Each structure stands twice: as C-alpha cells, then as structure tokens.
Amino acid sequence: MMPNMPHKNPQYPLRIPEETMDKLKYIAAYYGRSANKEMERLVLSHISSFEKKHGVIALSEEDYDFIRKNSQWKKNK
C-alpha cells in the first residue's frame, strides 16, 4: 500500500463503555467471531433493517464526497 492511499476498509475509532465492549467480546467469542467481525455483522444488520423500512440507500459520487468531507451525515441533505 502506498502512503496516503485510502485503506480498503477504513478504520473508525469507536468509543463505548468498557462493560459494553466486554459484553460484545463475550458474544463474539460465543459465536466464534472477533469483536471486529461481530460489530461489522451488527452494522450490516442495522443497515439492512433501515433499508427495509426506508428503501435502499443508493449513494452517488456526490454523496460519497459529502460523507468523506463531513463528520456527520444529516437526514435532509
């Protein structure tokens, strides 16, 4: 990977209470997954649920540019 190139899977620093993280790790281990994979599974499940209720999220190049430039996504663009 070349310097300053975006990572294939971007990292996001997640700040949650230690007890919550410990419980997540417990659940992940129970199912034979890493904590990272368990979080990814939960996020994908949440996206799927949202799309079932609100329709598929189809992001345009402009949307991607906006998301990358702003730390918070607003419901009404």
PDB file of N, CA and C in Angstrom:
ATOM      1  N   MET A   1       0.840  -1.179   0.000  1.00  0.00           N
ATOM      2  CA  MET A   1       0.000   0.000   0.000  1.00  0.00           C
ATOM      3  C   MET A   1       0.882   1.239   0.000  1.00  0.00           C
ATOM      4  N   MET A   2       0.548   2.189  -0.824  1.00  0.00           N
ATOM      5  CA  MET A   2       1.319   3.423  -0.910  1.00  0.00           C
ATOM      6  C   MET A   2       0.896   4.390   0.192  1.00  0.00           C
ATOM      7  N   PRO A   3       1.800   5.235   0.677  1.00  0.00           N
ATOM      8  CA  PRO A   3       1.440   6.217   1.696  1.00  0.00           C
ATOM      9  C   PRO A   3       0.320   7.131   1.198  1.00  0.00           C
ATOM     10  N   ASN A   4      -0.525   7.562   2.118  1.00  0.00           N
ATOM     11  CA  ASN A   4      -1.625   8.493   1.850  1.00  0.00           C
ATOM     12  C   ASN A   4      -2.725   7.920   0.959  1.00  0.00           C
ATOM     13  N   MET A   5      -2.677   6.621   0.689  1.00  0.00           N
ATOM     14  CA  MET A   5      -3.746   5.991  -0.080  1.00  0.00           C
ATOM     15  C   MET A   5      -4.831   5.565   0.902  1.00  0.00           C
ATOM     16  N   PRO A   6      -6.116   5.757   0.539  1.00  0.00           N
ATOM     17  CA  PRO A   6      -7.168   5.318   1.451  1.00  0.00           C
ATOM     18  C   PRO A   6      -7.143   3.801   1.634  1.00  0.00           C
ATOM     19  N   HIS A   7      -7.395   3.365   2.849  1.00  0.00           N
ATOM     20  CA  HIS A   7      -7.409   1.939   3.158  1.00  0.00           C
ATOM     21  C   HIS A   7      -8.656   1.306   2.563  1.00  0.00           C
ATOM     22  N   LYS A   8      -8.529   0.069   2.107  1.00  0.00           N
ATOM     23  CA  LYS A   8      -9.661  -0.659   1.533  1.00  0.00           C
ATOM     24  C   LYS A   8     -10.831  -0.716   2.516  1.00  0.00           C
ATOM     25  N   ASN A   9     -10.540  -0.955   3.779  1.00  0.00           N
ATOM     26  CA  ASN A   9     -11.541  -0.976   4.835  1.00  0.00           C
ATOM     27  C   ASN A   9     -11.171   0.084   5.866  1.00  0.00           C
ATOM     28  N   PRO A  10     -11.743   1.280   5.752  1.00  0.00           N
ATOM     29  CA  PRO A  10     -11.359   2.371   6.660  1.00  0.00           C
ATOM     30  C   PRO A  10     -11.601   2.011   8.123  1.00  0.00           C
ATOM     31  N   GLN A  11     -10.775   2.543   8.981  1.00  0.00           N
ATOM     32  CA  GLN A  11     -10.916   2.330  10.411  1.00  0.00           C
ATOM     33  C   GLN A  11     -11.707   3.486  11.007  1.00  0.00           C
ATOM     34  N   TYR A  12     -12.455   3.178  12.066  1.00  0.00           N
ATOM     35  CA  TYR A  12     -13.228   4.197  12.764  1.00  0.00           C
ATOM     36  C   TYR A  12     -13.031   3.978  14.255  1.00  0.00           C
ATOM     37  N   PRO A  13     -12.498   4.974  14.956  1.00  0.00           N
ATOM     38  CA  PRO A  13     -12.296   4.796  16.397  1.00  0.00           C
ATOM     39  C   PRO A  13     -13.643   4.842  17.123  1.00  0.00           C
ATOM     40  N   LEU A  14     -14.001   3.749  17.730  1.00  0.00           N
ATOM     41  CA  LEU A  14     -15.285   3.641  18.414  1.00  0.00           C
ATOM     42  C   LEU A  14     -15.061   3.787  19.911  1.00  0.00           C
ATOM     43  N   ARG A  15     -15.787   4.701  20.516  1.00  0.00           N
ATOM     44  CA  ARG A  15     -15.680   4.908  21.956  1.00  0.00           C
ATOM     45  C   ARG A  15     -16.989   4.447  22.599  1.00  0.00           C
ATOM     46  N   ILE A  16     -16.906   3.345  23.329  1.00  0.00           N
ATOM     47  CA  ILE A  16     -18.068   2.820  24.052  1.00  0.00           C
ATOM     48  C   ILE A  16     -17.614   2.413  25.442  1.00  0.00           C
ATOM     49  N   PRO A  17     -18.540   2.346  26.386  1.00  0.00           N
ATOM     50  CA  PRO A  17     -18.155   1.953  27.745  1.00  0.00           C
ATOM     51  C   PRO A  17     -17.469   0.585  27.761  1.00  0.00           C
ATOM     52  N   GLU A  18     -16.515   0.439  28.667  1.00  0.00           N
ATOM     53  CA  GLU A  18     -15.736  -0.793  28.759  1.00  0.00           C
ATOM     54  C   GLU A  18     -16.631  -2.013  28.979  1.00  0.00           C
ATOM     55  N   GLU A  19     -17.637  -1.887  29.838  1.00  0.00           N
ATOM     56  CA  GLU A  19     -18.533  -3.015  30.105  1.00  0.00           C
ATOM     57  C   GLU A  19     -19.274  -3.437  28.839  1.00  0.00           C
ATOM     58  N   THR A  20     -19.690  -2.467  28.040  1.00  0.00           N
ATOM     59  CA  THR A  20     -20.374  -2.769  26.778  1.00  0.00           C
ATOM     60  C   THR A  20     -19.437  -3.516  25.841  1.00  0.00           C
ATOM     61  N   MET A  21     -18.195  -3.052  25.761  1.00  0.00           N
ATOM     62  CA  MET A  21     -17.219  -3.709  24.889  1.00  0.00           C
ATOM     63  C   MET A  21     -16.939  -5.124  25.375  1.00  0.00           C
ATOM     64  N   ASP A  22     -16.827  -5.299  26.693  1.00  0.00           N
ATOM     65  CA  ASP A  22     -16.590  -6.637  27.242  1.00  0.00           C
ATOM     66  C   ASP A  22     -17.746  -7.582  26.901  1.00  0.00           C
ATOM     67  N   LYS A  23     -18.971  -7.082  26.983  1.00  0.00           N
ATOM     68  CA  LYS A  23     -20.134  -7.908  26.643  1.00  0.00           C
ATOM     69  C   LYS A  23     -20.136  -8.247  25.154  1.00  0.00           C
ATOM     70  N   LEU A  24     -19.761  -7.285  24.326  1.00  0.00           N
ATOM     71  CA  LEU A  24     -19.675  -7.538  22.884  1.00  0.00           C
ATOM     72  C   LEU A  24     -18.627  -8.617  22.599  1.00  0.00           C
ATOM     73  N   LYS A  25     -17.488  -8.524  23.253  1.00  0.00           N
ATOM     74  CA  LYS A  25     -16.433  -9.529  23.075  1.00  0.00           C
ATOM     75  C   LYS A  25     -16.901 -10.904  23.536  1.00  0.00           C
ATOM     76  N   TYR A  26     -17.673 -10.946  24.609  1.00  0.00           N
ATOM     77  CA  TYR A  26     -18.219 -12.206  25.101  1.00  0.00           C
ATOM     78  C   TYR A  26     -19.123 -12.834  24.044  1.00  0.00           C
ATOM     79  N   ILE A  27     -20.033 -12.027  23.501  1.00  0.00           N
ATOM     80  CA  ILE A  27     -20.954 -12.516  22.467  1.00  0.00           C
ATOM     81  C   ILE A  27     -20.184 -12.966  21.234  1.00  0.00           C
ATOM     82  N   ALA A  28     -19.197 -12.165  20.809  1.00  0.00           N
ATOM     83  CA  ALA A  28     -18.391 -12.513  19.642  1.00  0.00           C
ATOM     84  C   ALA A  28     -17.697 -13.852  19.858  1.00  0.00           C
ATOM     85  N   ALA A  29     -17.097 -14.036  21.028  1.00  0.00           N
ATOM     86  CA  ALA A  29     -16.399 -15.293  21.322  1.00  0.00           C
ATOM     87  C   ALA A  29     -17.377 -16.459  21.344  1.00  0.00           C
ATOM     88  N   TYR A  30     -18.552 -16.238  21.860  1.00  0.00           N
ATOM     89  CA  TYR A  30     -19.582 -17.283  21.906  1.00  0.00           C
ATOM     90  C   TYR A  30     -19.885 -17.800  20.503  1.00  0.00           C
ATOM     91  N   TYR A  31     -19.931 -16.886  19.535  1.00  0.00           N
ATOM     92  CA  TYR A  31     -20.228 -17.254  18.154  1.00  0.00           C
ATOM     93  C   TYR A  31     -18.971 -17.532  17.314  1.00  0.00           C
ATOM     94  N   GLY A  32     -17.798 -17.486  17.956  1.00  0.00           N
ATOM     95  CA  GLY A  32     -16.557 -17.786  17.249  1.00  0.00           C
ATOM     96  C   GLY A  32     -16.101 -16.681  16.306  1.00  0.00           C
ATOM     97  N   ARG A  33     -16.456 -15.444  16.658  1.00  0.00           N
ATOM     98  CA  ARG A  33     -16.056 -14.299  15.830  1.00  0.00           C
ATOM     99  C   ARG A  33     -15.169 -13.362  16.630  1.00  0.00           C
ATOM    100  N   SER A  34     -14.443 -12.525  15.923  1.00  0.00           N
ATOM    101  CA  SER A  34     -13.699 -11.458  16.585  1.00  0.00           C
ATOM    102  C   SER A  34     -14.687 -10.349  16.947  1.00  0.00           C
ATOM    103  N   ALA A  35     -14.285  -9.473  17.849  1.00  0.00           N
ATOM    104  CA  ALA A  35     -15.133  -8.331  18.200  1.00  0.00           C
ATOM    105  C   ALA A  35     -15.374  -7.466  16.967  1.00  0.00           C
ATOM    106  N   ASN A  36     -14.352  -7.305  16.127  1.00  0.00           N
ATOM    107  CA  ASN A  36     -14.500  -6.504  14.919  1.00  0.00           C
ATOM    108  C   ASN A  36     -15.556  -7.105  13.983  1.00  0.00           C
ATOM    109  N   LYS A  37     -15.498  -8.417  13.777  1.00  0.00           N
ATOM    110  CA  LYS A  37     -16.480  -9.076  12.897  1.00  0.00           C
ATOM    111  C   LYS A  37     -17.880  -9.011  13.495  1.00  0.00           C
ATOM    112  N   GLU A  38     -17.969  -9.109  14.810  1.00  0.00           N
ATOM    113  CA  GLU A  38     -19.280  -9.007  15.465  1.00  0.00           C
ATOM    114  C   GLU A  38     -19.862  -7.609  15.251  1.00  0.00           C
ATOM    115  N   MET A  39     -19.030  -6.569  15.401  1.00  0.00           N
ATOM    116  CA  MET A  39     -19.504  -5.198  15.155  1.00  0.00           C
ATOM    117  C   MET A  39     -19.904  -5.011  13.695  1.00  0.00           C
ATOM    118  N   GLU A  40     -19.109  -5.566  12.784  1.00  0.00           N
ATOM    119  CA  GLU A  40     -19.442  -5.465  11.358  1.00  0.00           C
ATOM    120  C   GLU A  40     -20.781  -6.144  11.072  1.00  0.00           C
ATOM    121  N   ARG A  41     -21.001  -7.319  11.666  1.00  0.00           N
ATOM    122  CA  ARG A  41     -22.256  -8.026  11.478  1.00  0.00           C
ATOM    123  C   ARG A  41     -23.432  -7.191  11.995  1.00  0.00           C
ATOM    124  N   LEU A  42     -23.256  -6.557  13.156  1.00  0.00           N
ATOM    125  CA  LEU A  42     -24.309  -5.728  13.724  1.00  0.00           C
ATOM    126  C   LEU A  42     -24.604  -4.502  12.855  1.00  0.00           C
ATOM    127  N   VAL A  43     -23.561  -3.873  12.349  1.00  0.00           N
ATOM    128  CA  VAL A  43     -23.737  -2.705  11.481  1.00  0.00           C
ATOM    129  C   VAL A  43     -24.468  -3.099  10.206  1.00  0.00           C
ATOM    130  N   LEU A  44     -24.061  -4.203   9.588  1.00  0.00           N
ATOM    131  CA  LEU A  44     -24.730  -4.655   8.361  1.00  0.00           C
ATOM    132  C   LEU A  44     -26.190  -5.003   8.622  1.00  0.00           C
ATOM    133  N   SER A  45     -26.472  -5.598   9.770  1.00  0.00           N
ATOM    134  CA  SER A  45     -27.853  -5.915  10.139  1.00  0.00           C
ATOM    135  C   SER A  45     -28.674  -4.637  10.300  1.00  0.00           C
ATOM    136  N   HIS A  46     -28.074  -3.619  10.906  1.00  0.00           N
ATOM    137  CA  HIS A  46     -28.758  -2.335  11.105  1.00  0.00           C
ATOM    138  C   HIS A  46     -29.037  -1.654   9.762  1.00  0.00           C
ATOM    139  N   ILE A  47     -28.069  -1.683   8.874  1.00  0.00           N
ATOM    140  CA  ILE A  47     -28.258  -1.099   7.533  1.00  0.00           C
ATOM    141  C   ILE A  47     -29.375  -1.824   6.798  1.00  0.00           C
ATOM    142  N   SER A  48     -29.368  -3.136   6.865  1.00  0.00           N
ATOM    143  CA  SER A  48     -30.401  -3.926   6.202  1.00  0.00           C
ATOM    144  C   SER A  48     -31.787  -3.579   6.741  1.00  0.00           C
ATOM    145  N   SER A  49     -31.897  -3.465   8.046  1.00  0.00           N
ATOM    146  CA  SER A  49     -33.163  -3.120   8.685  1.00  0.00           C
ATOM    147  C   SER A  49     -33.628  -1.724   8.252  1.00  0.00           C
ATOM    148  N   PHE A  50     -32.705  -0.776   8.217  1.00  0.00           N
ATOM    149  CA  PHE A  50     -33.022   0.589   7.793  1.00  0.00           C
ATOM    150  C   PHE A  50     -33.522   0.595   6.354  1.00  0.00           C
ATOM    151  N   GLU A  51     -32.817  -0.140   5.479  1.00  0.00           N
ATOM    152  CA  GLU A  51     -33.191  -0.162   4.066  1.00  0.00           C
ATOM    153  C   GLU A  51     -34.538  -0.859   3.842  1.00  0.00           C
ATOM    154  N   LYS A  52     -34.855  -1.851   4.650  1.00  0.00           N
ATOM    155  CA  LYS A  52     -36.167  -2.495   4.532  1.00  0.00           C
ATOM    156  C   LYS A  52     -37.283  -1.505   4.851  1.00  0.00           C
ATOM    157  N   LYS A  53     -37.027  -0.638   5.807  1.00  0.00           N
ATOM    158  CA  LYS A  53     -38.033   0.346   6.226  1.00  0.00           C
ATOM    159  C   LYS A  53     -38.076   1.570   5.320  1.00  0.00           C
ATOM    160  N   HIS A  54     -36.909   2.053   4.873  1.00  0.00           N
ATOM    161  CA  HIS A  54     -36.814   3.326   4.159  1.00  0.00           C
ATOM    162  C   HIS A  54     -36.414   3.211   2.691  1.00  0.00           C
ATOM    163  N   GLY A  55     -36.093   2.018   2.238  1.00  0.00           N
ATOM    164  CA  GLY A  55     -35.627   1.841   0.868  1.00  0.00           C
ATOM    165  C   GLY A  55     -34.111   1.769   0.803  1.00  0.00           C
ATOM    166  N   VAL A  56     -33.652   1.209  -0.301  1.00  0.00           N
ATOM    167  CA  VAL A  56     -32.215   1.013  -0.498  1.00  0.00           C
ATOM    168  C   VAL A  56     -31.492   2.355  -0.523  1.00  0.00           C
ATOM    169  N   ILE A  57     -30.377   2.403   0.150  1.00  0.00           N
ATOM    170  CA  ILE A  57     -29.533   3.598   0.153  1.00  0.00           C
ATOM    171  C   ILE A  57     -28.636   3.518  -1.077  1.00  0.00           C
ATOM    172  N   ALA A  58     -28.906   4.352  -2.056  1.00  0.00           N
ATOM    173  CA  ALA A  58     -28.102   4.384  -3.281  1.00  0.00           C
ATOM    174  C   ALA A  58     -27.272   5.656  -3.256  1.00  0.00           C
ATOM    175  N   LEU A  59     -25.997   5.511  -2.954  1.00  0.00           N
ATOM    176  CA  LEU A  59     -25.119   6.674  -2.829  1.00  0.00           C
ATOM    177  C   LEU A  59     -24.501   7.044  -4.163  1.00  0.00           C
ATOM    178  N   SER A  60     -24.580   8.324  -4.474  1.00  0.00           N
ATOM    179  CA  SER A  60     -23.939   8.847  -5.687  1.00  0.00           C
ATOM    180  C   SER A  60     -22.513   9.274  -5.348  1.00  0.00           C
ATOM    181  N   GLU A  61     -21.754   9.600  -6.359  1.00  0.00           N
ATOM    182  CA  GLU A  61     -20.391  10.109  -6.127  1.00  0.00           C
ATOM    183  C   GLU A  61     -20.441  11.381  -5.280  1.00  0.00           C
ATOM    184  N   GLU A  62     -21.448  12.223  -5.499  1.00  0.00           N
ATOM    185  CA  GLU A  62     -21.595  13.445  -4.701  1.00  0.00           C
ATOM    186  C   GLU A  62     -21.849  13.105  -3.234  1.00  0.00           C
ATOM    187  N   ASP A  63     -22.664  12.063  -2.998  1.00  0.00           N
ATOM    188  CA  ASP A  63     -22.916  11.630  -1.627  1.00  0.00           C
ATOM    189  C   ASP A  63     -21.623  11.172  -0.971  1.00  0.00           C
ATOM    190  N   TYR A  64     -20.839  10.347  -1.679  1.00  0.00           N
ATOM    191  CA  TYR A  64     -19.575   9.870  -1.134  1.00  0.00           C
ATOM    192  C   TYR A  64     -18.646  11.033  -0.816  1.00  0.00           C
ATOM    193  N   ASP A  65     -18.569  12.003  -1.714  1.00  0.00           N
ATOM    194  CA  ASP A  65     -17.730  13.177  -1.471  1.00  0.00           C
ATOM    195  C   ASP A  65     -18.190  13.922  -0.225  1.00  0.00           C
ATOM    196  N   PHE A  66     -19.507  14.114  -0.099  1.00  0.00           N
ATOM    197  CA  PHE A  66     -20.066  14.820   1.051  1.00  0.00           C
ATOM    198  C   PHE A  66     -19.764  14.065   2.343  1.00  0.00           C
ATOM    199  N   ILE A  67     -19.992  12.757   2.344  1.00  0.00           N
ATOM    200  CA  ILE A  67     -19.780  11.938   3.536  1.00  0.00           C
ATOM    201  C   ILE A  67     -18.321  11.993   3.972  1.00  0.00           C
ATOM    202  N   ARG A  68     -17.422  11.921   3.014  1.00  0.00           N
ATOM    203  CA  ARG A  68     -15.992  11.941   3.341  1.00  0.00           C
ATOM    204  C   ARG A  68     -15.538  13.298   3.850  1.00  0.00           C
ATOM    205  N   LYS A  69     -16.209  14.365   3.441  1.00  0.00           N
ATOM    206  CA  LYS A  69     -15.807  15.718   3.861  1.00  0.00           C
ATOM    207  C   LYS A  69     -16.454  16.135   5.177  1.00  0.00           C
ATOM    208  N   ASN A  70     -17.512  15.476   5.577  1.00  0.00           N
ATOM    209  CA  ASN A  70     -18.248  15.868   6.774  1.00  0.00           C
ATOM    210  C   ASN A  70     -18.283  14.728   7.772  1.00  0.00           C
ATOM    211  N   SER A  71     -18.108  15.060   9.026  1.00  0.00           N
ATOM    212  CA  SER A  71     -18.093  14.022  10.048  1.00  0.00           C
ATOM    213  C   SER A  71     -19.498  13.564  10.426  1.00  0.00           C
ATOM    214  N   GLN A  72     -20.495  14.373  10.131  1.00  0.00           N
ATOM    215  CA  GLN A  72     -21.861  13.992  10.467  1.00  0.00           C
ATOM    216  C   GLN A  72     -22.732  14.069   9.230  1.00  0.00           C
ATOM    217  N   TRP A  73     -23.552  13.033   9.037  1.00  0.00           N
ATOM    218  CA  TRP A  73     -24.489  12.967   7.930  1.00  0.00           C
ATOM    219  C   TRP A  73     -25.829  13.477   8.419  1.00  0.00           C
ATOM    220  N   LYS A  74     -26.431  14.397   7.694  1.00  0.00           N
ATOM    221  CA  LYS A  74     -27.728  14.928   8.091  1.00  0.00           C
ATOM    222  C   LYS A  74     -28.817  14.251   7.277  1.00  0.00           C
ATOM    223  N   LYS A  75     -29.952  14.005   7.927  1.00  0.00           N
ATOM    224  CA  LYS A  75     -31.053  13.296   7.280  1.00  0.00           C
ATOM    225  C   LYS A  75     -31.516  14.047   6.032  1.00  0.00           C
ATOM    226  N   ASN A  76     -31.652  15.369   6.126  1.00  0.00           N
ATOM    227  CA  ASN A  76     -32.083  16.173   4.972  1.00  0.00           C
ATOM    228  C   ASN A  76     -30.868  16.900   4.409  1.00  0.00           C
ATOM    229  N   LYS A  77     -30.390  16.413   3.282  1.00  0.00           N
ATOM    230  CA  LYS A  77     -29.187  16.999   2.665  1.00  0.00           C
ATOM    231  C   LYS A  77     -29.475  18.386   2.131  1.00  0.00           C
TER     232      LYS A  77
END
